[in-house]
Amino acid sequence: MAALETATLGQLATMLAMERTTLLRNLAPLRRAGYIEGGGKAPLMLTSEGRELLSTAGAAWRDAQQAVTKRLGASRAGLLLQALTTLAGP
């Protein structure tokens, strides 16, 4: 999945299935750390530091998925992913 470069608060809240106010509170530390900018009526954007962190996190996430697949086996890892997708809803 490709990361979005910019999104409105509403778009991001919808993608994450979160209320806007909860999302706004959760984004505050990222804004203070300099990983995102914008908000309100302006689109949220990753800063260069935010893009770097996202890249690092993406690599760590792929490593974690590979470790789970290795431990469970491809078939059971697939079933787990299907179950989690079902729980997340449409």
Protein backbone atom coordinates (compact mmCIF):
# COMPACT_ATOMS: atom_id res chain seq x y z
CA MET A 1 0.00 0.00 0.00
CA ALA A 2 1.44 3.35 -0.99
CA ALA A 3 1.45 6.09 1.60
CA LEU A 4 -0.48 9.26 0.93
CA GLU A 5 1.56 12.43 0.79
CA THR A 6 -1.34 14.62 1.92
CA ALA A 7 -4.84 14.07 3.28
CA THR A 8 -7.46 16.16 5.00
CA LEU A 9 -8.25 15.38 8.60
CA GLY A 10 -11.64 14.02 7.49
CA GLN A 11 -10.11 11.75 4.85
CA LEU A 12 -7.58 10.37 7.31
CA ALA A 13 -10.25 9.84 9.98
CA THR A 14 -12.35 7.89 7.48
CA MET A 15 -9.41 5.75 6.34
CA LEU A 16 -8.53 4.93 9.95
CA ALA A 17 -12.17 4.51 11.07
CA MET A 18 -11.66 7.09 13.83
CA GLU A 19 -13.56 10.10 15.03
CA ARG A 20 -11.97 13.38 13.92
CA THR A 21 -11.52 14.65 17.48
CA THR A 22 -9.77 11.45 18.56
CA LEU A 23 -7.54 11.59 15.51
CA LEU A 24 -6.70 15.23 16.16
CA ARG A 25 -5.61 14.41 19.73
CA ASN A 26 -3.58 11.42 18.51
CA LEU A 27 -1.83 13.52 15.86
CA ALA A 28 -0.74 16.22 18.32
CA PRO A 29 2.49 14.43 19.39
CA LEU A 30 3.40 13.83 15.72
CA ARG A 31 2.89 17.51 14.98
CA ARG A 32 4.97 18.54 18.02
CA ALA A 33 7.75 16.15 16.94
CA GLY A 34 7.77 17.74 13.49
CA TYR A 35 6.57 14.67 11.56
CA ILE A 36 3.40 16.29 10.18
CA GLU A 37 2.19 19.77 9.42
CA GLY A 38 -1.12 21.29 8.44
CA GLY A 39 -4.53 20.38 9.76
CA GLY A 40 -7.73 22.28 10.25
CA LYS A 41 -8.71 23.39 6.75
CA ALA A 42 -5.21 22.79 5.38
CA PRO A 43 -4.31 19.26 4.32
CA LEU A 44 -2.14 17.23 6.65
CA MET A 45 1.28 16.60 5.16
CA LEU A 46 4.26 14.53 6.16
CA THR A 47 7.42 16.54 6.67
CA SER A 48 10.72 15.19 5.38
CA GLU A 49 11.34 13.83 8.89
CA GLY A 50 7.89 12.21 8.80
CA ARG A 51 8.59 10.56 5.44
CA GLU A 52 11.89 9.21 6.78
CA LEU A 53 10.18 7.83 9.89
CA LEU A 54 7.42 6.27 7.75
CA SER A 55 10.04 4.56 5.61
CA THR A 56 11.78 3.16 8.68
CA ALA A 57 8.48 2.04 10.20
CA GLY A 58 7.45 0.41 6.92
CA ALA A 59 10.63 -1.66 6.86
CA ALA A 60 10.09 -2.71 10.49
CA TRP A 61 6.46 -3.63 9.70
CA ARG A 62 7.53 -5.82 6.77
CA ASP A 63 10.11 -7.53 8.99
CA ALA A 64 7.43 -8.19 11.62
CA GLN A 65 5.04 -9.62 9.03
CA GLN A 66 7.77 -11.92 7.71
CA ALA A 67 8.54 -13.10 11.25
CA VAL A 68 4.86 -13.90 11.91
CA THR A 69 4.57 -15.72 8.58
CA LYS A 70 7.69 -17.73 9.36
CA ARG A 71 6.42 -18.65 12.82
CA LEU A 72 2.83 -19.48 11.82
CA GLY A 73 3.41 -20.68 8.29
CA ALA A 74 1.97 -19.01 5.22
CA SER A 75 -1.43 -20.70 5.44
CA ARG A 76 -2.14 -19.82 9.08
CA ALA A 77 -0.72 -16.30 8.64
CA GLY A 78 -3.13 -15.85 5.73
CA LEU A 79 -6.04 -17.00 7.89
CA LEU A 80 -4.99 -14.55 10.60
CA LEU A 81 -4.88 -11.70 8.09
CA GLN A 82 -8.35 -12.64 6.80
CA ALA A 83 -9.73 -12.68 10.36
CA LEU A 84 -8.20 -9.30 11.16
CA THR A 85 -9.53 -7.84 7.91
CA THR A 86 -13.00 -9.10 8.81
CA LEU A 87 -12.76 -7.55 12.28
CA ALA A 88 -11.68 -4.20 10.81
CA GLY A 89 -14.81 -4.14 8.66
CA PRO A 90 -15.36 -2.56 5.27
